[in-house]
Protein backbone atom coordinates (compact mmCIF):
# COMPACT_ATOMS: atom_id res chain seq x y z
CA UNK A 1 74.33 60.51 81.17
CA UNK A 2 77.71 60.42 82.87
CA UNK A 3 79.76 57.22 83.22
CA UNK A 4 79.26 56.82 86.97
CA UNK A 5 75.47 57.11 86.71
CA UNK A 6 75.40 54.76 83.73
CA UNK A 7 77.38 52.10 85.60
CA UNK A 8 75.41 52.57 88.83
CA UNK A 9 72.16 52.11 86.90
CA UNK A 10 73.47 48.76 85.63
CA UNK A 11 74.42 47.31 89.02
CA UNK A 12 71.76 45.01 90.43
CA UNK A 13 70.85 45.15 94.12
CA UNK A 14 69.88 41.80 95.64
CA UNK A 15 68.22 42.35 99.01
CA UNK A 16 68.73 40.00 101.95
CA UNK A 17 71.70 38.20 100.37
CA UNK A 18 73.90 36.60 101.63
CA UNK A 19 72.16 37.39 104.93
CA UNK A 20 68.99 39.17 106.03
CA UNK A 21 69.38 42.95 105.98
CA UNK A 22 72.25 42.94 103.46
CA UNK A 23 71.76 44.68 100.09
CA UNK A 24 74.23 42.84 97.85
CA UNK A 25 75.60 44.91 94.95
CA UNK A 26 75.78 42.52 92.01
CA UNK A 27 78.15 43.62 89.25
CA UNK A 28 77.38 40.72 86.88
CA UNK A 29 75.02 42.89 84.77
CA UNK A 30 78.04 45.12 84.04
CA UNK A 31 79.83 42.10 82.63
CA UNK A 32 77.00 40.53 80.63
CA UNK A 33 76.15 43.51 78.44
CA UNK A 34 79.05 44.15 76.01
CA UNK A 35 78.34 47.89 75.78
CA UNK A 36 78.23 48.36 79.57
CA UNK A 37 81.32 46.16 79.99
CA UNK A 38 83.21 48.34 77.47
CA UNK A 39 82.21 51.53 79.34
CA UNK A 40 83.39 49.95 82.62
CA UNK A 41 86.76 48.85 81.26
CA UNK A 42 87.31 52.12 79.40
CA UNK A 43 86.71 54.09 82.62
CA UNK A 44 89.66 52.30 84.21
CA UNK A 45 91.87 52.16 81.11
CA UNK A 46 91.55 55.88 80.36
CA UNK A 47 92.50 56.72 83.95
CA UNK A 48 95.55 54.45 84.03
CA UNK A 49 96.89 55.41 80.61
CA UNK A 50 98.05 58.71 82.08
CA UNK A 51 101.81 58.62 82.75
CA UNK A 52 101.54 59.50 86.45
CA UNK A 53 99.16 56.58 87.14
CA UNK A 54 100.34 54.07 84.55
CA UNK A 55 101.23 50.73 86.19
CA UNK A 56 103.84 48.18 85.16
CA UNK A 57 101.45 45.40 86.20
CA UNK A 58 97.84 45.06 87.33
CA UNK A 59 97.13 42.84 90.35
CA UNK A 60 93.58 41.49 90.60
CA UNK A 61 91.98 40.14 93.74
CA UNK A 62 90.21 36.76 93.65
CA UNK A 63 87.82 36.40 91.92
CA UNK A 64 86.00 39.33 90.31
CA UNK A 65 89.19 41.40 90.39
CA UNK A 66 90.55 38.81 87.92
CA UNK A 67 87.83 39.62 85.40
CA UNK A 68 88.29 43.36 85.52
CA UNK A 69 92.02 43.43 86.18
CA UNK A 70 93.04 41.07 83.41
CA UNK A 71 91.10 43.03 80.79
CA UNK A 72 92.47 46.35 82.06
CA UNK A 73 96.01 44.90 81.98
CA UNK A 74 95.47 43.65 78.42
CA UNK A 75 94.19 47.04 77.26
CA UNK A 76 97.13 48.82 78.93
CA UNK A 77 99.64 46.36 77.45
CA UNK A 78 101.00 45.32 80.87
CA UNK A 79 101.14 42.05 82.78
CA UNK A 80 98.50 40.67 85.13
CA UNK A 81 99.11 39.26 88.62
CA UNK A 82 96.43 37.10 90.28
CA UNK A 83 96.12 37.35 94.06
CA UNK A 84 94.29 34.13 94.90
CA UNK A 85 92.65 32.42 97.80
CA UNK A 86 95.03 30.22 99.79
CA UNK A 87 95.96 26.91 98.20
CA UNK A 88 95.17 27.82 94.57
CA UNK A 89 98.60 28.84 93.26
CA UNK A 90 101.07 26.10 92.20
CA UNK A 91 104.41 27.85 92.74
CA UNK A 92 106.16 29.34 95.79
CA UNK A 93 103.89 31.91 97.44
CA UNK A 94 103.64 34.39 100.26
CA UNK A 95 100.35 34.78 102.09
CA UNK A 96 98.38 37.33 104.04
CA UNK A 97 95.37 36.69 106.27
CA UNK A 98 92.58 39.20 106.83
CA UNK A 99 89.22 39.57 108.54
CA UNK A 100 85.92 39.43 106.70
CA UNK A 101 82.51 40.60 107.84
CA UNK A 102 81.70 36.98 108.67
CA UNK A 103 85.07 35.34 109.48
CA UNK A 104 88.61 35.37 108.13
CA UNK A 105 90.44 34.38 104.95
CA UNK A 106 93.92 34.17 103.46
CA UNK A 107 95.18 35.23 100.04
CA UNK A 108 98.45 34.39 98.29
CA UNK A 109 100.61 35.60 95.45
CA UNK A 110 103.58 34.00 93.71
CA UNK A 111 106.90 35.21 95.08
CA UNK A 112 108.04 36.25 91.58
CA UNK A 113 104.79 37.94 90.52
CA UNK A 114 105.94 41.49 91.26
CA UNK A 115 109.52 42.70 91.02
CA UNK A 116 110.93 45.23 93.48
CA UNK A 117 110.12 48.74 92.31
CA UNK A 118 107.41 47.75 89.85
CA UNK A 119 104.39 50.05 89.78
CA UNK A 120 101.27 48.06 90.65
CA UNK A 121 97.58 48.82 90.21
CA UNK A 122 95.56 46.73 92.69
CA UNK A 123 92.00 46.12 91.50
CA UNK A 124 88.82 44.47 92.77
CA UNK A 125 85.10 44.74 92.17
CA UNK A 126 84.03 46.19 95.52
CA UNK A 127 85.37 47.71 98.73
CA UNK A 128 83.33 46.81 101.81
CA UNK A 129 85.35 46.44 105.02
CA UNK A 130 88.62 46.76 103.07
CA UNK A 131 90.14 43.50 104.30
CA UNK A 132 90.77 41.88 100.94
CA UNK A 133 92.35 44.96 99.39
CA UNK A 134 94.41 45.58 102.55
CA UNK A 135 95.76 42.03 102.33
CA UNK A 136 96.58 42.54 98.64
CA UNK A 137 98.34 45.81 99.45
CA UNK A 138 100.43 44.09 102.13
CA UNK A 139 101.42 41.30 99.72
CA UNK A 140 102.50 43.78 97.03
CA UNK A 141 104.57 45.71 99.57
CA UNK A 142 106.22 42.48 100.83
CA UNK A 143 107.36 41.84 97.25
CA UNK A 144 108.76 45.37 96.96
CA UNK A 145 106.10 46.66 94.57
CA UNK A 146 105.06 50.32 94.53
CA UNK A 147 101.30 50.72 94.67
CA UNK A 148 100.03 53.26 92.17
CA UNK A 149 96.47 53.02 93.45
CA UNK A 150 93.75 50.69 94.63
CA UNK A 151 90.75 50.62 92.31
CA UNK A 152 87.26 49.16 92.50
CA UNK A 153 83.96 49.49 90.75
CA UNK A 154 81.92 49.93 93.95
CA UNK A 155 82.65 51.48 97.33
CA UNK A 156 80.39 50.91 100.34
CA UNK A 157 81.59 53.87 102.45
CA UNK A 158 79.30 53.05 105.37
CA UNK A 159 81.42 49.94 106.06
CA UNK A 160 84.52 52.19 106.33
CA UNK A 161 86.82 49.98 104.25
CA UNK A 162 87.87 52.83 101.95
CA UNK A 163 88.56 54.99 105.01
CA UNK A 164 90.75 52.23 106.48
CA UNK A 165 92.67 51.78 103.22
CA UNK A 166 93.30 55.50 102.78
CA UNK A 167 94.49 55.72 106.40
CA UNK A 168 96.95 52.91 105.58
CA UNK A 169 98.35 55.04 102.75
CA UNK A 170 96.62 53.49 99.72
CA UNK A 171 95.21 56.03 97.26
CA UNK A 172 91.83 54.80 96.02
CA UNK A 173 89.73 55.22 92.91
CA UNK A 174 86.17 53.93 92.74
CA UNK A 175 83.51 54.46 90.13
CA UNK A 176 80.29 54.08 92.16
CA UNK A 177 79.40 54.60 95.83
CA UNK A 178 76.41 52.99 97.50
CA UNK A 179 75.28 54.01 100.96
CA UNK A 180 74.22 51.11 103.13
CA UNK A 181 75.27 47.52 102.73
């Protein structure tokens, strides 16, 4: 069995959550089984070990991007940058607001988290409408970072977030696609 199929088979679908008609793609089974978690992390690490894609830092989006991103950063031997929800970081920050399917939100990053010219891998668990990753991309660019790629476990192409991100110039890598949302 190939890696993508193996990971897809271990993602749980929760119907009608958080709203009727939504099929929520739950990645927690990928995290709870140590063998599956290793396959997941290795899929990212092996990709980003190559010199042309190797980052100087990994930036993870709040909150599941922290889980994946910090482990990938550790395995690559590079630093980790948390991009958090507004009001959670204690030092000087810059912020970026974005639209969600059901409202809006704001994320922040420390002003010294990424140095100008650093190569940054931006990572999250899932791309739906693309708002969170777009906000993260804008923050990294404001700090002068060079985005290597945006990465996620799951893409929901029907919601057109990955299309929006690519149109904005962000190369993307995802492991699993699910039609519908």
